Amino acid sequence: SSSGGRTNYVDSVKGRFTISRDNAKN
């Protein structure tokens, strides 16, 4: 989400991939 507060993953990557964002760095 734009706030970074909600994330979701396809089942095949859960536990292996992590999404994150740094809005200050765009």
mmCIF file of all heavy atoms, coordinates in Angstrom:
data_MODEL
# 
_entry.id   MODEL 
# 
loop_
_atom_site.group_PDB 
_atom_site.id 
_atom_site.type_symbol 
_atom_site.label_atom_id 
_atom_site.label_alt_id 
_atom_site.label_comp_id 
_atom_site.label_asym_id 
_atom_site.label_entity_id 
_atom_site.label_seq_id 
_atom_site.pdbx_PDB_ins_code 
_atom_site.Cartn_x 
_atom_site.Cartn_y 
_atom_site.Cartn_z 
_atom_site.occupancy 
_atom_site.B_iso_or_equiv 
_atom_site.pdbx_formal_charge 
_atom_site.auth_seq_id 
_atom_site.auth_comp_id 
_atom_site.auth_asym_id 
_atom_site.auth_atom_id 
_atom_site.pdbx_PDB_model_num 
ATOM 1   N N   . SER A 1 1  ? 0.829  -1.193  0.000  1.00 0.00 ? 1  SER A N   1 
ATOM 2   C CA  . SER A 1 1  ? 0.000  0.000   0.000  1.00 0.00 ? 1  SER A CA  1 
ATOM 3   C C   . SER A 1 1  ? 0.871  1.254   0.000  1.00 0.00 ? 1  SER A C   1 
ATOM 4   O O   . SER A 1 1  ? 2.079  1.188   0.276  1.00 0.00 ? 1  SER A O   1 
ATOM 5   C CB  . SER A 1 1  ? -0.912 -0.004  1.238  1.00 0.00 ? 1  SER A CB  1 
ATOM 6   O OG  . SER A 1 1  ? -0.129 0.009   2.417  1.00 0.00 ? 1  SER A OG  1 
ATOM 7   N N   . SER A 1 2  ? 0.255  2.398   -0.268 1.00 0.00 ? 2  SER A N   1 
ATOM 8   C CA  . SER A 1 2  ? 1.037  3.633   -0.338 1.00 0.00 ? 2  SER A CA  1 
ATOM 9   C C   . SER A 1 2  ? 1.639  3.987   1.019  1.00 0.00 ? 2  SER A C   1 
ATOM 10  O O   . SER A 1 2  ? 2.722  4.569   1.086  1.00 0.00 ? 2  SER A O   1 
ATOM 11  C CB  . SER A 1 2  ? 0.182  4.788   -0.852 1.00 0.00 ? 2  SER A CB  1 
ATOM 12  O OG  . SER A 1 2  ? -0.906 5.031   0.019  1.00 0.00 ? 2  SER A OG  1 
ATOM 13  N N   . SER A 1 3  ? 0.958  3.617   2.087  1.00 0.00 ? 3  SER A N   1 
ATOM 14  C CA  . SER A 1 3  ? 1.482  3.875   3.427  1.00 0.00 ? 3  SER A CA  1 
ATOM 15  C C   . SER A 1 3  ? 2.566  2.893   3.824  1.00 0.00 ? 3  SER A C   1 
ATOM 16  O O   . SER A 1 3  ? 3.331  3.137   4.767  1.00 0.00 ? 3  SER A O   1 
ATOM 17  C CB  . SER A 1 3  ? 0.347  3.788   4.461  1.00 0.00 ? 3  SER A CB  1 
ATOM 18  O OG  . SER A 1 3  ? -0.090 2.445   4.597  1.00 0.00 ? 3  SER A OG  1 
ATOM 19  N N   . GLY A 1 4  ? 2.614  1.764   3.120  1.00 0.00 ? 4  GLY A N   1 
ATOM 20  C CA  . GLY A 1 4  ? 3.534  0.700   3.502  1.00 0.00 ? 4  GLY A CA  1 
ATOM 21  C C   . GLY A 1 4  ? 2.979  -0.205  4.575  1.00 0.00 ? 4  GLY A C   1 
ATOM 22  O O   . GLY A 1 4  ? 3.618  -1.183  4.953  1.00 0.00 ? 4  GLY A O   1 
ATOM 23  N N   . GLY A 1 5  ? 1.773  0.110   5.045  1.00 0.00 ? 5  GLY A N   1 
ATOM 24  C CA  . GLY A 1 5  ? 1.224  -0.624  6.167  1.00 0.00 ? 5  GLY A CA  1 
ATOM 25  C C   . GLY A 1 5  ? 0.614  -1.969  5.814  1.00 0.00 ? 5  GLY A C   1 
ATOM 26  O O   . GLY A 1 5  ? 0.395  -2.802  6.694  1.00 0.00 ? 5  GLY A O   1 
ATOM 27  N N   . ARG A 1 6  ? 0.323  -2.156  4.563  1.00 0.00 ? 6  ARG A N   1 
ATOM 28  C CA  . ARG A 1 6  ? -0.250 -3.436  4.136  1.00 0.00 ? 6  ARG A CA  1 
ATOM 29  C C   . ARG A 1 6  ? 0.551  -3.988  2.975  1.00 0.00 ? 6  ARG A C   1 
ATOM 30  O O   . ARG A 1 6  ? 0.892  -3.262  2.035  1.00 0.00 ? 6  ARG A O   1 
ATOM 31  C CB  . ARG A 1 6  ? -1.713 -3.275  3.740  1.00 0.00 ? 6  ARG A CB  1 
ATOM 32  C CG  . ARG A 1 6  ? -2.662 -2.981  4.898  1.00 0.00 ? 6  ARG A CG  1 
ATOM 33  C CD  . ARG A 1 6  ? -4.088 -3.133  4.457  1.00 0.00 ? 6  ARG A CD  1 
ATOM 34  N NE  . ARG A 1 6  ? -4.433 -4.532  4.191  1.00 0.00 ? 6  ARG A NE  1 
ATOM 35  C CZ  . ARG A 1 6  ? -5.482 -4.911  3.473  1.00 0.00 ? 6  ARG A CZ  1 
ATOM 36  N NH1 . ARG A 1 6  ? -6.266 -4.008  2.914  1.00 0.00 ? 6  ARG A NH1 1 
ATOM 37  N NH2 . ARG A 1 6  ? -5.740 -6.178  3.289  1.00 0.00 ? 6  ARG A NH2 1 
ATOM 38  N N   . THR A 1 7  ? 0.825  -5.281  3.060  1.00 0.00 ? 7  THR A N   1 
ATOM 39  C CA  . THR A 1 7  ? 1.544  -5.971  2.002  1.00 0.00 ? 7  THR A CA  1 
ATOM 40  C C   . THR A 1 7  ? 0.874  -7.306  1.727  1.00 0.00 ? 7  THR A C   1 
ATOM 41  O O   . THR A 1 7  ? 0.108  -7.817  2.565  1.00 0.00 ? 7  THR A O   1 
ATOM 42  C CB  . THR A 1 7  ? 3.014  -6.217  2.381  1.00 0.00 ? 7  THR A CB  1 
ATOM 43  O OG1 . THR A 1 7  ? 3.057  -7.040  3.562  1.00 0.00 ? 7  THR A OG1 1 
ATOM 44  C CG2 . THR A 1 7  ? 3.757  -4.921  2.659  1.00 0.00 ? 7  THR A CG2 1 
ATOM 45  N N   . ASN A 1 8  ? 1.162  -7.864  0.571  1.00 0.00 ? 8  ASN A N   1 
ATOM 46  C CA  . ASN A 1 8  ? 0.665  -9.195  0.253  1.00 0.00 ? 8  ASN A CA  1 
ATOM 47  C C   . ASN A 1 8  ? 1.601  -9.859  -0.736 1.00 0.00 ? 8  ASN A C   1 
ATOM 48  O O   . ASN A 1 8  ? 2.359  -9.167  -1.451 1.00 0.00 ? 8  ASN A O   1 
ATOM 49  C CB  . ASN A 1 8  ? -0.744 -9.128  -0.315 1.00 0.00 ? 8  ASN A CB  1 
ATOM 50  C CG  . ASN A 1 8  ? -1.482 -10.470 -0.200 1.00 0.00 ? 8  ASN A CG  1 
ATOM 51  O OD1 . ASN A 1 8  ? -1.060 -11.349 0.558  1.00 0.00 ? 8  ASN A OD1 1 
ATOM 52  N ND2 . ASN A 1 8  ? -2.564 -10.625 -0.931 1.00 0.00 ? 8  ASN A ND2 1 
ATOM 53  N N   . TYR A 1 9  ? 1.557  -11.190 -0.754 1.00 0.00 ? 9  TYR A N   1 
ATOM 54  C CA  . TYR A 1 9  ? 2.468  -11.961 -1.577 1.00 0.00 ? 9  TYR A CA  1 
ATOM 55  C C   . TYR A 1 9  ? 1.725  -13.124 -2.226 1.00 0.00 ? 9  TYR A C   1 
ATOM 56  O O   . TYR A 1 9  ? 0.810  -13.696 -1.633 1.00 0.00 ? 9  TYR A O   1 
ATOM 57  C CB  . TYR A 1 9  ? 3.608  -12.526 -0.730 1.00 0.00 ? 9  TYR A CB  1 
ATOM 58  C CG  . TYR A 1 9  ? 4.400  -11.487 0.014  1.00 0.00 ? 9  TYR A CG  1 
ATOM 59  C CD1 . TYR A 1 9  ? 4.000  -11.042 1.267  1.00 0.00 ? 9  TYR A CD1 1 
ATOM 60  C CD2 . TYR A 1 9  ? 5.561  -10.937 -0.546 1.00 0.00 ? 9  TYR A CD2 1 
ATOM 61  C CE1 . TYR A 1 9  ? 4.713  -10.077 1.945  1.00 0.00 ? 9  TYR A CE1 1 
ATOM 62  C CE2 . TYR A 1 9  ? 6.277  -9.978  0.130  1.00 0.00 ? 9  TYR A CE2 1 
ATOM 63  C CZ  . TYR A 1 9  ? 5.848  -9.551  1.375  1.00 0.00 ? 9  TYR A CZ  1 
ATOM 64  O OH  . TYR A 1 9  ? 6.563  -8.590  2.040  1.00 0.00 ? 9  TYR A OH  1 
ATOM 65  N N   . VAL A 1 10 ? 2.177  -13.493 -3.411 1.00 0.00 ? 10 VAL A N   1 
ATOM 66  C CA  . VAL A 1 10 ? 1.679  -14.726 -3.998 1.00 0.00 ? 10 VAL A CA  1 
ATOM 67  C C   . VAL A 1 10 ? 2.211  -15.893 -3.169 1.00 0.00 ? 10 VAL A C   1 
ATOM 68  O O   . VAL A 1 10 ? 3.295  -15.808 -2.579 1.00 0.00 ? 10 VAL A O   1 
ATOM 69  C CB  . VAL A 1 10 ? 2.126  -14.823 -5.481 1.00 0.00 ? 10 VAL A CB  1 
ATOM 70  C CG1 . VAL A 1 10 ? 3.625  -15.009 -5.609 1.00 0.00 ? 10 VAL A CG1 1 
ATOM 71  C CG2 . VAL A 1 10 ? 1.354  -15.901 -6.204 1.00 0.00 ? 10 VAL A CG2 1 
ATOM 72  N N   . ASP A 1 11 ? 1.441  -16.961 -3.079 1.00 0.00 ? 11 ASP A N   1 
ATOM 73  C CA  . ASP A 1 11 ? 1.801  -18.065 -2.182 1.00 0.00 ? 11 ASP A CA  1 
ATOM 74  C C   . ASP A 1 11 ? 3.200  -18.606 -2.452 1.00 0.00 ? 11 ASP A C   1 
ATOM 75  O O   . ASP A 1 11 ? 3.913  -18.994 -1.521 1.00 0.00 ? 11 ASP A O   1 
ATOM 76  C CB  . ASP A 1 11 ? 0.785  -19.197 -2.312 1.00 0.00 ? 11 ASP A CB  1 
ATOM 77  C CG  . ASP A 1 11 ? -0.538 -18.880 -1.634 1.00 0.00 ? 11 ASP A CG  1 
ATOM 78  O OD1 . ASP A 1 11 ? -0.581 -17.916 -0.845 1.00 0.00 ? 11 ASP A OD1 1 
ATOM 79  O OD2 . ASP A 1 11 ? -1.512 -19.591 -1.903 1.00 0.00 ? 11 ASP A OD2 1 
ATOM 80  N N   . SER A 1 12 ? 3.613  -18.647 -3.697 1.00 0.00 ? 12 SER A N   1 
ATOM 81  C CA  . SER A 1 12 ? 4.887  -19.268 -4.048 1.00 0.00 ? 12 SER A CA  1 
ATOM 82  C C   . SER A 1 12 ? 6.107  -18.521 -3.511 1.00 0.00 ? 12 SER A C   1 
ATOM 83  O O   . SER A 1 12 ? 7.207  -19.071 -3.499 1.00 0.00 ? 12 SER A O   1 
ATOM 84  C CB  . SER A 1 12 ? 5.001  -19.422 -5.563 1.00 0.00 ? 12 SER A CB  1 
ATOM 85  O OG  . SER A 1 12 ? 4.935  -18.162 -6.190 1.00 0.00 ? 12 SER A OG  1 
ATOM 86  N N   . VAL A 1 13 ? 5.937  -17.269 -3.085 1.00 0.00 ? 13 VAL A N   1 
ATOM 87  C CA  . VAL A 1 13 ? 7.082  -16.501 -2.584 1.00 0.00 ? 13 VAL A CA  1 
ATOM 88  C C   . VAL A 1 13 ? 6.953  -16.147 -1.107 1.00 0.00 ? 13 VAL A C   1 
ATOM 89  O O   . VAL A 1 13 ? 7.872  -15.548 -0.534 1.00 0.00 ? 13 VAL A O   1 
ATOM 90  C CB  . VAL A 1 13 ? 7.324  -15.216 -3.404 1.00 0.00 ? 13 VAL A CB  1 
ATOM 91  C CG1 . VAL A 1 13 ? 7.400  -15.537 -4.893 1.00 0.00 ? 13 VAL A CG1 1 
ATOM 92  C CG2 . VAL A 1 13 ? 6.275  -14.152 -3.130 1.00 0.00 ? 13 VAL A CG2 1 
ATOM 93  N N   . LYS A 1 14 ? 5.836  -16.494 -0.491 1.00 0.00 ? 14 LYS A N   1 
ATOM 94  C CA  . LYS A 1 14 ? 5.644  -16.165 0.922  1.00 0.00 ? 14 LYS A CA  1 
ATOM 95  C C   . LYS A 1 14 ? 6.747  -16.784 1.769  1.00 0.00 ? 14 LYS A C   1 
ATOM 96  O O   . LYS A 1 14 ? 7.100  -17.944 1.597  1.00 0.00 ? 14 LYS A O   1 
ATOM 97  C CB  . LYS A 1 14 ? 4.273  -16.647 1.400  1.00 0.00 ? 14 LYS A CB  1 
ATOM 98  C CG  . LYS A 1 14 ? 3.127  -15.777 0.938  1.00 0.00 ? 14 LYS A CG  1 
ATOM 99  C CD  . LYS A 1 14 ? 1.789  -16.280 1.461  1.00 0.00 ? 14 LYS A CD  1 
ATOM 100 C CE  . LYS A 1 14 ? 0.645  -15.383 0.997  1.00 0.00 ? 14 LYS A CE  1 
ATOM 101 N NZ  . LYS A 1 14 ? -0.671 -15.884 1.438  1.00 0.00 ? 14 LYS A NZ  1 
ATOM 102 N N   . GLY A 1 15 ? 7.278  -15.983 2.673  1.00 0.00 ? 15 GLY A N   1 
ATOM 103 C CA  . GLY A 1 15 ? 8.356  -16.445 3.532  1.00 0.00 ? 15 GLY A CA  1 
ATOM 104 C C   . GLY A 1 15 ? 9.727  -16.304 2.915  1.00 0.00 ? 15 GLY A C   1 
ATOM 105 O O   . GLY A 1 15 ? 10.738 -16.479 3.611  1.00 0.00 ? 15 GLY A O   1 
ATOM 106 N N   . ARG A 1 16 ? 9.793  -15.996 1.620  1.00 0.00 ? 16 ARG A N   1 
ATOM 107 C CA  . ARG A 1 16 ? 11.088 -15.833 0.950  1.00 0.00 ? 16 ARG A CA  1 
ATOM 108 C C   . ARG A 1 16 ? 11.309 -14.403 0.460  1.00 0.00 ? 16 ARG A C   1 
ATOM 109 O O   . ARG A 1 16 ? 12.439 -13.915 0.444  1.00 0.00 ? 16 ARG A O   1 
ATOM 110 C CB  . ARG A 1 16 ? 11.184 -16.792 -0.245 1.00 0.00 ? 16 ARG A CB  1 
ATOM 111 C CG  . ARG A 1 16 ? 11.038 -18.254 0.112  1.00 0.00 ? 16 ARG A CG  1 
ATOM 112 C CD  . ARG A 1 16 ? 11.364 -19.153 -1.077 1.00 0.00 ? 16 ARG A CD  1 
ATOM 113 N NE  . ARG A 1 16 ? 10.432 -18.976 -2.181 1.00 0.00 ? 16 ARG A NE  1 
ATOM 114 C CZ  . ARG A 1 16 ? 10.790 -18.610 -3.418 1.00 0.00 ? 16 ARG A CZ  1 
ATOM 115 N NH1 . ARG A 1 16 ? 12.063 -18.392 -3.698 1.00 0.00 ? 16 ARG A NH1 1 
ATOM 116 N NH2 . ARG A 1 16 ? 9.883  -18.495 -4.377 1.00 0.00 ? 16 ARG A NH2 1 
ATOM 117 N N   . PHE A 1 17 ? 10.248 -13.749 0.034  1.00 0.00 ? 17 PHE A N   1 
ATOM 118 C CA  . PHE A 1 17 ? 10.345 -12.385 -0.507 1.00 0.00 ? 17 PHE A CA  1 
ATOM 119 C C   . PHE A 1 17 ? 9.759  -11.396 0.489  1.00 0.00 ? 17 PHE A C   1 
ATOM 120 O O   . PHE A 1 17 ? 8.793  -11.700 1.202  1.00 0.00 ? 17 PHE A O   1 
ATOM 121 C CB  . PHE A 1 17 ? 9.562  -12.273 -1.814 1.00 0.00 ? 17 PHE A CB  1 
ATOM 122 C CG  . PHE A 1 17 ? 10.148 -13.001 -2.991 1.00 0.00 ? 17 PHE A CG  1 
ATOM 123 C CD1 . PHE A 1 17 ? 11.171 -13.915 -2.858 1.00 0.00 ? 17 PHE A CD1 1 
ATOM 124 C CD2 . PHE A 1 17 ? 9.666  -12.749 -4.270 1.00 0.00 ? 17 PHE A CD2 1 
ATOM 125 C CE1 . PHE A 1 17 ? 11.712 -14.586 -3.948 1.00 0.00 ? 17 PHE A CE1 1 
ATOM 126 C CE2 . PHE A 1 17 ? 10.176 -13.397 -5.379 1.00 0.00 ? 17 PHE A CE2 1 
ATOM 127 C CZ  . PHE A 1 17 ? 11.199 -14.328 -5.208 1.00 0.00 ? 17 PHE A CZ  1 
ATOM 128 N N   . THR A 1 18 ? 10.327 -10.196 0.503  1.00 0.00 ? 18 THR A N   1 
ATOM 129 C CA  . THR A 1 18 ? 9.815  -9.129  1.348  1.00 0.00 ? 18 THR A CA  1 
ATOM 130 C C   . THR A 1 18 ? 9.767  -7.832  0.544  1.00 0.00 ? 18 THR A C   1 
ATOM 131 O O   . THR A 1 18 ? 10.791 -7.414  -0.019 1.00 0.00 ? 18 THR A O   1 
ATOM 132 C CB  . THR A 1 18 ? 10.693 -8.915  2.584  1.00 0.00 ? 18 THR A CB  1 
ATOM 133 O OG1 . THR A 1 18 ? 10.790 -10.128 3.326  1.00 0.00 ? 18 THR A OG1 1 
ATOM 134 C CG2 . THR A 1 18 ? 10.111 -7.824  3.474  1.00 0.00 ? 18 THR A CG2 1 
ATOM 135 N N   . ILE A 1 19 ? 8.594  -7.218  0.515  1.00 0.00 ? 19 ILE A N   1 
ATOM 136 C CA  . ILE A 1 19 ? 8.443  -5.936  -0.165 1.00 0.00 ? 19 ILE A CA  1 
ATOM 137 C C   . ILE A 1 19 ? 8.505  -4.824  0.885  1.00 0.00 ? 19 ILE A C   1 
ATOM 138 O O   . ILE A 1 19 ? 8.008  -4.974  2.002  1.00 0.00 ? 19 ILE A O   1 
ATOM 139 C CB  . ILE A 1 19 ? 7.124  -5.879  -0.966 1.00 0.00 ? 19 ILE A CB  1 
ATOM 140 C CG1 . ILE A 1 19 ? 7.083  -4.659  -1.875 1.00 0.00 ? 19 ILE A CG1 1 
ATOM 141 C CG2 . ILE A 1 19 ? 5.907  -5.939  -0.041 1.00 0.00 ? 19 ILE A CG2 1 
ATOM 142 C CD1 . ILE A 1 19 ? 5.916  -4.669  -2.864 1.00 0.00 ? 19 ILE A CD1 1 
ATOM 143 N N   . SER A 1 20 ? 9.130  -3.724  0.517  1.00 0.00 ? 20 SER A N   1 
ATOM 144 C CA  . SER A 1 20 ? 9.213  -2.593  1.425  1.00 0.00 ? 20 SER A CA  1 
ATOM 145 C C   . SER A 1 20 ? 9.326  -1.326  0.592  1.00 0.00 ? 20 SER A C   1 
ATOM 146 O O   . SER A 1 20 ? 9.547  -1.383  -0.616 1.00 0.00 ? 20 SER A O   1 
ATOM 147 C CB  . SER A 1 20 ? 10.422 -2.725  2.370  1.00 0.00 ? 20 SER A CB  1 
ATOM 148 O OG  . SER A 1 20 ? 11.635 -2.742  1.630  1.00 0.00 ? 20 SER A OG  1 
ATOM 149 N N   . ARG A 1 21 ? 9.178  -0.191  1.264  1.00 0.00 ? 21 ARG A N   1 
ATOM 150 C CA  . ARG A 1 21 ? 9.286  1.059   0.529  1.00 0.00 ? 21 ARG A CA  1 
ATOM 151 C C   . ARG A 1 21 ? 9.923  2.117   1.409  1.00 0.00 ? 21 ARG A C   1 
ATOM 152 O O   . ARG A 1 21 ? 9.792  2.095   2.630  1.00 0.00 ? 21 ARG A O   1 
ATOM 153 C CB  . ARG A 1 21 ? 7.909  1.533   0.049  1.00 0.00 ? 21 ARG A CB  1 
ATOM 154 C CG  . ARG A 1 21 ? 6.897  1.841   1.137  1.00 0.00 ? 21 ARG A CG  1 
ATOM 155 C CD  . ARG A 1 21 ? 5.492  2.033   0.532  1.00 0.00 ? 21 ARG A CD  1 
ATOM 156 N NE  . ARG A 1 21 ? 5.492  3.128   -0.434 1.00 0.00 ? 21 ARG A NE  1 
ATOM 157 C CZ  . ARG A 1 21 ? 4.619  3.213   -1.447 1.00 0.00 ? 21 ARG A CZ  1 
ATOM 158 N NH1 . ARG A 1 21 ? 3.703  2.279   -1.625 1.00 0.00 ? 21 ARG A NH1 1 
ATOM 159 N NH2 . ARG A 1 21 ? 4.673  4.248   -2.271 1.00 0.00 ? 21 ARG A NH2 1 
ATOM 160 N N   . ASP A 1 22 ? 10.625 3.022   0.749  1.00 0.00 ? 22 ASP A N   1 
ATOM 161 C CA  . ASP A 1 22 ? 11.235 4.170   1.404  1.00 0.00 ? 22 ASP A CA  1 
ATOM 162 C C   . ASP A 1 22 ? 10.736 5.393   0.634  1.00 0.00 ? 22 ASP A C   1 
ATOM 163 O O   . ASP A 1 22 ? 11.326 5.772   -0.387 1.00 0.00 ? 22 ASP A O   1 
ATOM 164 C CB  . ASP A 1 22 ? 12.759 4.066   1.374  1.00 0.00 ? 22 ASP A CB  1 
ATOM 165 C CG  . ASP A 1 22 ? 13.442 5.172   2.150  1.00 0.00 ? 22 ASP A CG  1 
ATOM 166 O OD1 . ASP A 1 22 ? 12.801 6.221   2.399  1.00 0.00 ? 22 ASP A OD1 1 
ATOM 167 O OD2 . ASP A 1 22 ? 14.617 5.000   2.499  1.00 0.00 ? 22 ASP A OD2 1 
ATOM 168 N N   . ASN A 1 23 ? 9.667  5.968   1.106  1.00 0.00 ? 23 ASN A N   1 
ATOM 169 C CA  . ASN A 1 23 ? 9.075  7.081   0.366  1.00 0.00 ? 23 ASN A CA  1 
ATOM 170 C C   . ASN A 1 23 ? 9.996  8.291   0.320  1.00 0.00 ? 23 ASN A C   1 
ATOM 171 O O   . ASN A 1 23 ? 9.937  9.088   -0.622 1.00 0.00 ? 23 ASN A O   1 
ATOM 172 C CB  . ASN A 1 23 ? 7.722  7.455   0.970  1.00 0.00 ? 23 ASN A CB  1 
ATOM 173 C CG  . ASN A 1 23 ? 6.635  6.441   0.622  1.00 0.00 ? 23 ASN A CG  1 
ATOM 174 O OD1 . ASN A 1 23 ? 6.848  5.566   -0.218 1.00 0.00 ? 23 ASN A OD1 1 
ATOM 175 N ND2 . ASN A 1 23 ? 5.489  6.546   1.268  1.00 0.00 ? 23 ASN A ND2 1 
ATOM 176 N N   . ALA A 1 24 ? 10.860 8.434   1.300  1.00 0.00 ? 24 ALA A N   1 
ATOM 177 C CA  . ALA A 1 24 ? 11.810 9.544   1.282  1.00 0.00 ? 24 ALA A CA  1 
ATOM 178 C C   . ALA A 1 24 ? 12.778 9.418   0.108  1.00 0.00 ? 24 ALA A C   1 
ATOM 179 O O   . ALA A 1 24 ? 13.255 10.422  -0.431 1.00 0.00 ? 24 ALA A O   1 
ATOM 180 C CB  . ALA A 1 24 ? 12.584 9.592   2.597  1.00 0.00 ? 24 ALA A CB  1 
ATOM 181 N N   . LYS A 1 25 ? 13.055 8.178   -0.273 1.00 0.00 ? 25 LYS A N   1 
ATOM 182 C CA  . LYS A 1 25 ? 13.945 7.932   -1.420 1.00 0.00 ? 25 LYS A CA  1 
ATOM 183 C C   . LYS A 1 25 ? 13.155 7.668   -2.694 1.00 0.00 ? 25 LYS A C   1 
ATOM 184 O O   . LYS A 1 25 ? 13.746 7.379   -3.735 1.00 0.00 ? 25 LYS A O   1 
ATOM 185 C CB  . LYS A 1 25 ? 14.862 6.745   -1.127 1.00 0.00 ? 25 LYS A CB  1 
ATOM 186 C CG  . LYS A 1 25 ? 15.843 6.998   0.007  1.00 0.00 ? 25 LYS A CG  1 
ATOM 187 C CD  . LYS A 1 25 ? 16.790 5.816   0.189  1.00 0.00 ? 25 LYS A CD  1 
ATOM 188 C CE  . LYS A 1 25 ? 17.811 6.108   1.286  1.00 0.00 ? 25 LYS A CE  1 
ATOM 189 N NZ  . LYS A 1 25 ? 18.743 4.968   1.486  1.00 0.00 ? 25 LYS A NZ  1 
ATOM 190 N N   . ASN A 1 26 ? 11.807 7.704   -2.566 1.00 0.00 ? 26 ASN A N   1 
ATOM 191 C CA  . ASN A 1 26 ? 10.957 7.460   -3.739 1.00 0.00 ? 26 ASN A CA  1 
ATOM 192 C C   . ASN A 1 26 ? 11.261 6.112   -4.384 1.00 0.00 ? 26 ASN A C   1 
ATOM 193 O O   . ASN A 1 26 ? 11.283 5.983   -5.615 1.00 0.00 ? 26 ASN A O   1 
ATOM 194 C CB  . ASN A 1 26 ? 11.118 8.587   -4.771 1.00 0.00 ? 26 ASN A CB  1 
ATOM 195 C CG  . ASN A 1 26 ? 9.790  9.150   -5.232 1.00 0.00 ? 26 ASN A CG  1 
ATOM 196 O OD1 . ASN A 1 26 ? 8.783  9.072   -4.536 1.00 0.00 ? 26 ASN A OD1 1 
ATOM 197 N ND2 . ASN A 1 26 ? 9.780  9.730   -6.429 1.00 0.00 ? 26 ASN A ND2 1 
# 
